[in-house]
């Protein structure tokens, strides 16, 4: 697994208990005529649910305990995944960066071609 945790994310995670859970989820994305899914990163402070723990491996990366789902562990090792903070209207949150940007069109209708 090729992952790093930025210094500001390390500080944020330390304030929240020092443990994070990361995974890549499939989510529906809007399309004109068909449903499509995209890989979307998910980063949460804390440990995974007990009934899900068998799907996770635990690593220490840049001083942070990371519970990484198999979807992240098996992700392309050539791509550096970066855990960092981002600010939105509700304050700071963690994000995983470095994944390819999902397509923003359905690719099947005349408006998207």
N, C-alpha and C. Protein backbone atom coordinates (compact mmCIF):
# COMPACT_ATOMS: atom_id res chain seq x y z
N UNK A 1 0.85 -1.18 0.00
CA UNK A 1 0.00 0.00 0.00
C UNK A 1 0.89 1.23 0.00
N UNK A 2 0.61 2.14 -0.89
CA UNK A 2 1.39 3.35 -1.08
C UNK A 2 0.57 4.53 -0.56
N UNK A 3 0.77 4.89 0.73
CA UNK A 3 -0.04 5.94 1.34
C UNK A 3 0.82 6.79 2.26
N UNK A 4 0.47 8.06 2.33
CA UNK A 4 1.13 8.98 3.24
C UNK A 4 0.05 9.79 3.97
N UNK A 5 0.41 10.30 5.14
CA UNK A 5 -0.50 11.15 5.93
C UNK A 5 0.21 12.48 6.14
N UNK A 6 -0.41 13.56 5.69
CA UNK A 6 0.23 14.87 5.81
C UNK A 6 0.35 15.27 7.27
N UNK A 7 1.23 16.23 7.52
CA UNK A 7 1.47 16.68 8.88
C UNK A 7 0.21 17.27 9.51
N UNK A 8 -0.53 18.07 8.76
CA UNK A 8 -1.74 18.67 9.34
C UNK A 8 -2.82 17.61 9.60
N UNK A 9 -2.86 16.56 8.76
CA UNK A 9 -3.79 15.46 9.02
C UNK A 9 -3.35 14.68 10.25
N UNK A 10 -2.05 14.50 10.44
CA UNK A 10 -1.53 13.82 11.63
C UNK A 10 -1.97 14.55 12.90
N UNK A 11 -1.87 15.86 12.87
CA UNK A 11 -2.29 16.67 14.02
C UNK A 11 -3.78 16.52 14.29
N UNK A 12 -4.59 16.59 13.24
CA UNK A 12 -6.04 16.46 13.38
C UNK A 12 -6.40 15.08 13.92
N UNK A 13 -5.79 14.03 13.38
CA UNK A 13 -6.07 12.66 13.81
C UNK A 13 -5.64 12.46 15.26
N UNK A 14 -4.50 13.02 15.65
CA UNK A 14 -4.04 12.91 17.04
C UNK A 14 -5.05 13.52 18.00
N UNK A 15 -5.66 14.62 17.63
CA UNK A 15 -6.67 15.27 18.47
C UNK A 15 -7.93 14.43 18.59
N UNK A 16 -8.17 13.57 17.59
CA UNK A 16 -9.39 12.76 17.55
C UNK A 16 -9.17 11.32 18.00
N UNK A 17 -8.00 11.02 18.56
CA UNK A 17 -7.77 9.68 19.09
C UNK A 17 -6.66 8.90 18.42
N UNK A 18 -6.13 9.39 17.31
CA UNK A 18 -4.97 8.77 16.68
C UNK A 18 -5.23 7.57 15.79
N UNK A 19 -6.50 7.28 15.49
CA UNK A 19 -6.84 6.10 14.68
C UNK A 19 -7.80 6.51 13.58
N UNK A 20 -7.55 5.99 12.35
CA UNK A 20 -8.49 6.23 11.24
C UNK A 20 -8.80 4.93 10.52
N UNK A 21 -9.91 4.96 9.80
CA UNK A 21 -10.33 3.86 8.95
C UNK A 21 -10.46 4.40 7.53
N UNK A 22 -9.85 3.69 6.56
CA UNK A 22 -9.92 4.13 5.17
C UNK A 22 -10.44 3.00 4.30
N UNK A 23 -11.20 3.37 3.27
CA UNK A 23 -11.68 2.40 2.30
C UNK A 23 -12.08 3.12 1.02
N UNK A 24 -12.23 2.36 -0.04
CA UNK A 24 -12.73 2.90 -1.30
C UNK A 24 -14.11 2.29 -1.50
N UNK A 25 -15.11 3.17 -1.57
CA UNK A 25 -16.49 2.73 -1.71
C UNK A 25 -16.97 2.94 -3.14
N UNK A 26 -17.88 2.11 -3.56
CA UNK A 26 -18.57 2.31 -4.83
C UNK A 26 -19.82 3.13 -4.53
N UNK A 27 -19.96 4.26 -5.21
CA UNK A 27 -21.15 5.09 -5.02
C UNK A 27 -21.77 5.40 -6.37
N UNK A 28 -23.08 5.56 -6.36
CA UNK A 28 -23.78 5.95 -7.57
C UNK A 28 -23.44 7.40 -7.91
N UNK A 29 -23.23 7.65 -9.19
CA UNK A 29 -23.02 9.02 -9.64
C UNK A 29 -24.13 9.37 -10.61
N UNK A 30 -24.51 10.63 -10.65
CA UNK A 30 -25.60 11.02 -11.54
C UNK A 30 -25.22 10.84 -12.99
N UNK A 31 -26.18 10.41 -13.75
CA UNK A 31 -26.00 10.25 -15.18
C UNK A 31 -27.26 10.67 -15.90
N UNK A 32 -27.15 10.88 -17.17
CA UNK A 32 -28.29 11.34 -17.95
C UNK A 32 -29.31 10.23 -18.17
N UNK A 33 -28.82 9.05 -18.51
CA UNK A 33 -29.77 8.00 -18.86
C UNK A 33 -29.49 6.66 -18.20
N UNK A 34 -28.36 6.52 -17.55
CA UNK A 34 -28.05 5.23 -16.93
C UNK A 34 -27.36 5.46 -15.59
N UNK A 35 -27.49 4.47 -14.72
CA UNK A 35 -26.82 4.55 -13.43
C UNK A 35 -25.39 4.07 -13.59
N UNK A 36 -24.48 4.78 -13.00
CA UNK A 36 -23.08 4.39 -13.01
C UNK A 36 -22.52 4.50 -11.61
N UNK A 37 -21.45 3.76 -11.37
CA UNK A 37 -20.78 3.85 -10.08
C UNK A 37 -19.37 4.38 -10.27
N UNK A 38 -18.84 4.94 -9.20
CA UNK A 38 -17.47 5.45 -9.21
C UNK A 38 -16.81 5.07 -7.90
N UNK A 39 -15.48 4.91 -7.94
CA UNK A 39 -14.71 4.68 -6.72
C UNK A 39 -14.58 6.00 -5.98
N UNK A 40 -15.03 6.02 -4.74
CA UNK A 40 -15.00 7.23 -3.93
C UNK A 40 -14.27 6.90 -2.62
N UNK A 41 -13.27 7.69 -2.27
CA UNK A 41 -12.54 7.42 -1.03
C UNK A 41 -13.36 7.80 0.20
N UNK A 42 -13.20 7.02 1.25
CA UNK A 42 -13.87 7.31 2.52
C UNK A 42 -12.84 7.20 3.64
N UNK A 43 -12.74 8.25 4.44
CA UNK A 43 -11.82 8.28 5.58
C UNK A 43 -12.63 8.66 6.80
N UNK A 44 -12.54 7.84 7.84
CA UNK A 44 -13.28 8.10 9.07
C UNK A 44 -12.33 8.01 10.26
N UNK A 45 -12.54 8.85 11.25
CA UNK A 45 -11.78 8.77 12.49
C UNK A 45 -12.33 7.59 13.29
N UNK A 46 -11.43 6.80 13.85
CA UNK A 46 -11.84 5.66 14.67
C UNK A 46 -11.64 4.33 13.96
N UNK A 47 -12.04 3.29 14.64
CA UNK A 47 -11.88 1.93 14.12
C UNK A 47 -13.11 1.50 13.33
N UNK A 48 -12.94 0.48 12.48
CA UNK A 48 -14.11 -0.04 11.76
C UNK A 48 -15.04 -0.77 12.72
N UNK A 49 -16.27 -0.98 12.28
CA UNK A 49 -17.24 -1.72 13.07
C UNK A 49 -16.70 -3.13 13.34
N UNK A 50 -17.01 -3.69 14.50
CA UNK A 50 -16.49 -5.01 14.87
C UNK A 50 -16.83 -6.09 13.85
N UNK A 51 -18.04 -6.04 13.28
CA UNK A 51 -18.43 -7.08 12.33
C UNK A 51 -17.71 -6.93 10.98
N UNK A 52 -17.01 -5.80 10.75
CA UNK A 52 -16.28 -5.58 9.50
C UNK A 52 -14.77 -5.77 9.64
N UNK A 53 -14.26 -5.94 10.86
CA UNK A 53 -12.82 -5.93 11.11
C UNK A 53 -12.04 -6.95 10.29
N UNK A 54 -12.65 -8.07 9.95
CA UNK A 54 -11.92 -9.10 9.19
C UNK A 54 -11.53 -8.62 7.79
N UNK A 55 -12.19 -7.58 7.28
CA UNK A 55 -11.89 -7.04 5.96
C UNK A 55 -10.81 -5.97 5.99
N UNK A 56 -10.24 -5.71 7.16
CA UNK A 56 -9.27 -4.63 7.33
C UNK A 56 -7.92 -5.17 7.80
N UNK A 57 -6.86 -4.46 7.39
CA UNK A 57 -5.53 -4.69 7.92
C UNK A 57 -5.11 -3.41 8.64
N UNK A 58 -4.28 -3.56 9.66
CA UNK A 58 -3.86 -2.40 10.44
C UNK A 58 -2.39 -2.10 10.16
N UNK A 59 -2.12 -0.84 9.87
CA UNK A 59 -0.77 -0.36 9.60
C UNK A 59 -0.53 0.89 10.44
N UNK A 60 0.73 1.21 10.68
CA UNK A 60 1.09 2.51 11.22
C UNK A 60 1.77 3.27 10.10
N UNK A 61 1.18 4.39 9.71
CA UNK A 61 1.71 5.20 8.62
C UNK A 61 1.92 6.61 9.15
N UNK A 62 3.14 7.07 9.10
CA UNK A 62 3.48 8.43 9.56
C UNK A 62 2.97 8.68 10.98
N UNK A 63 3.06 7.67 11.84
CA UNK A 63 2.67 7.81 13.23
C UNK A 63 1.18 7.68 13.50
N UNK A 64 0.39 7.35 12.48
CA UNK A 64 -1.06 7.20 12.62
C UNK A 64 -1.44 5.74 12.45
N UNK A 65 -2.28 5.22 13.35
CA UNK A 65 -2.79 3.86 13.19
C UNK A 65 -3.90 3.90 12.15
N UNK A 66 -3.68 3.15 11.06
CA UNK A 66 -4.61 3.14 9.93
C UNK A 66 -5.20 1.76 9.78
N UNK A 67 -6.53 1.66 9.85
CA UNK A 67 -7.25 0.43 9.52
C UNK A 67 -7.62 0.57 8.05
N UNK A 68 -6.98 -0.22 7.21
CA UNK A 68 -7.17 -0.10 5.76
C UNK A 68 -7.98 -1.28 5.24
N UNK A 69 -9.09 -0.98 4.59
CA UNK A 69 -9.95 -1.99 3.98
C UNK A 69 -9.20 -2.63 2.83
N UNK A 70 -9.57 -3.84 2.48
CA UNK A 70 -8.90 -4.54 1.37
C UNK A 70 -8.98 -3.76 0.07
N UNK A 71 -10.01 -2.92 -0.10
CA UNK A 71 -10.12 -2.11 -1.32
C UNK A 71 -8.99 -1.09 -1.43
N UNK A 72 -8.41 -0.68 -0.30
CA UNK A 72 -7.29 0.25 -0.31
C UNK A 72 -5.97 -0.52 -0.35
N UNK A 73 -5.87 -1.58 0.43
CA UNK A 73 -4.64 -2.37 0.48
C UNK A 73 -4.31 -2.92 -0.90
N UNK A 74 -5.32 -3.37 -1.63
CA UNK A 74 -5.11 -3.96 -2.95
C UNK A 74 -5.13 -2.93 -4.07
N UNK A 75 -5.25 -1.65 -3.74
CA UNK A 75 -5.29 -0.62 -4.77
C UNK A 75 -3.92 -0.51 -5.43
N UNK A 76 -3.87 0.03 -6.59
CA UNK A 76 -2.66 0.17 -7.41
C UNK A 76 -1.52 0.80 -6.59
N UNK A 77 -0.46 0.03 -6.33
CA UNK A 77 0.66 0.53 -5.53
C UNK A 77 1.46 1.63 -6.22
N UNK A 78 1.25 1.84 -7.51
CA UNK A 78 1.98 2.87 -8.22
C UNK A 78 1.42 4.26 -7.95
N UNK A 79 0.20 4.32 -7.44
CA UNK A 79 -0.45 5.60 -7.16
C UNK A 79 -0.32 5.91 -5.67
N UNK A 80 0.24 7.08 -5.36
CA UNK A 80 0.38 7.50 -3.98
C UNK A 80 -0.96 8.05 -3.48
N UNK A 81 -1.51 7.42 -2.47
CA UNK A 81 -2.73 7.91 -1.84
C UNK A 81 -2.31 8.78 -0.66
N UNK A 82 -2.92 9.94 -0.52
CA UNK A 82 -2.54 10.90 0.50
C UNK A 82 -3.75 11.21 1.38
N UNK A 83 -3.57 11.07 2.69
CA UNK A 83 -4.59 11.46 3.65
C UNK A 83 -4.28 12.89 4.07
N UNK A 84 -5.26 13.76 3.95
CA UNK A 84 -5.07 15.17 4.30
C UNK A 84 -6.38 15.71 4.85
N UNK A 85 -6.33 16.90 5.38
CA UNK A 85 -7.55 17.55 5.86
C UNK A 85 -8.10 18.43 4.75
N UNK A 86 -9.39 18.62 4.79
CA UNK A 86 -10.04 19.59 3.91
C UNK A 86 -11.06 20.34 4.74
N UNK A 87 -11.34 21.55 4.36
CA UNK A 87 -12.27 22.38 5.11
C UNK A 87 -13.51 22.58 4.27
N UNK A 88 -14.66 22.41 4.92
CA UNK A 88 -15.93 22.68 4.25
C UNK A 88 -16.75 23.59 5.14
N UNK A 89 -17.99 23.77 4.83
CA UNK A 89 -18.87 24.67 5.57
C UNK A 89 -19.00 24.27 7.04
N UNK A 90 -18.82 22.99 7.34
CA UNK A 90 -19.04 22.48 8.69
C UNK A 90 -17.75 22.30 9.48
N UNK A 91 -16.60 22.67 8.93
CA UNK A 91 -15.33 22.55 9.61
C UNK A 91 -14.37 21.65 8.86
N UNK A 92 -13.42 21.07 9.59
CA UNK A 92 -12.42 20.21 8.98
C UNK A 92 -12.91 18.77 8.92
N UNK A 93 -12.44 18.07 7.88
CA UNK A 93 -12.67 16.65 7.79
C UNK A 93 -11.49 16.04 7.06
N UNK A 94 -11.37 14.74 7.12
CA UNK A 94 -10.28 14.04 6.45
C UNK A 94 -10.70 13.62 5.06
N UNK A 95 -9.75 13.58 4.16
CA UNK A 95 -10.00 13.12 2.81
C UNK A 95 -8.83 12.31 2.31
N UNK A 96 -9.09 11.44 1.35
CA UNK A 96 -8.05 10.66 0.70
C UNK A 96 -7.93 11.18 -0.73
N UNK A 97 -6.72 11.53 -1.12
CA UNK A 97 -6.49 12.14 -2.42
C UNK A 97 -5.51 11.29 -3.22
N UNK A 98 -5.61 11.37 -4.54
CA UNK A 98 -4.71 10.65 -5.41
C UNK A 98 -5.41 9.65 -6.30
N UNK A 99 -6.69 9.38 -6.03
CA UNK A 99 -7.45 8.48 -6.89
C UNK A 99 -7.77 9.17 -8.20
N UNK A 100 -7.87 8.42 -9.29
CA UNK A 100 -8.29 9.04 -10.55
C UNK A 100 -9.68 9.66 -10.40
N UNK A 101 -9.91 10.79 -11.06
CA UNK A 101 -11.20 11.47 -11.00
C UNK A 101 -12.23 10.65 -11.78
N UNK A 102 -13.39 10.33 -11.16
CA UNK A 102 -14.40 9.56 -11.90
C UNK A 102 -14.99 10.38 -13.04
N UNK A 103 -15.47 9.70 -14.03
CA UNK A 103 -16.11 10.36 -15.17
C UNK A 103 -17.31 11.16 -14.68
N UNK A 104 -17.52 12.32 -15.27
CA UNK A 104 -18.62 13.19 -14.87
C UNK A 104 -19.79 13.12 -15.85
N UNK A 105 -19.73 12.20 -16.80
CA UNK A 105 -20.81 12.06 -17.76
C UNK A 105 -21.22 10.60 -17.84
N UNK A 106 -22.41 10.36 -18.35
CA UNK A 106 -22.86 8.98 -18.50
C UNK A 106 -22.20 8.32 -19.70
N UNK A 107 -21.83 9.12 -20.71
CA UNK A 107 -21.15 8.60 -21.88
C UNK A 107 -22.03 7.90 -22.89
N UNK A 108 -23.33 7.85 -22.63
CA UNK A 108 -24.21 7.11 -23.55
C UNK A 108 -25.21 7.99 -24.27
N UNK A 109 -25.54 9.14 -23.76
CA UNK A 109 -26.56 9.97 -24.42
C UNK A 109 -25.91 10.99 -25.35
N UNK A 110 -26.69 11.61 -26.18
CA UNK A 110 -26.16 12.57 -27.16
C UNK A 110 -25.60 13.82 -26.49
N UNK A 111 -26.11 14.19 -25.33
CA UNK A 111 -25.61 15.38 -24.63
C UNK A 111 -24.21 15.16 -24.09
N UNK A 112 -23.86 13.90 -23.81
CA UNK A 112 -22.56 13.60 -23.19
C UNK A 112 -21.50 13.20 -24.21
N UNK A 113 -21.88 12.96 -25.44
CA UNK A 113 -20.89 12.52 -26.42
C UNK A 113 -20.32 13.64 -27.22
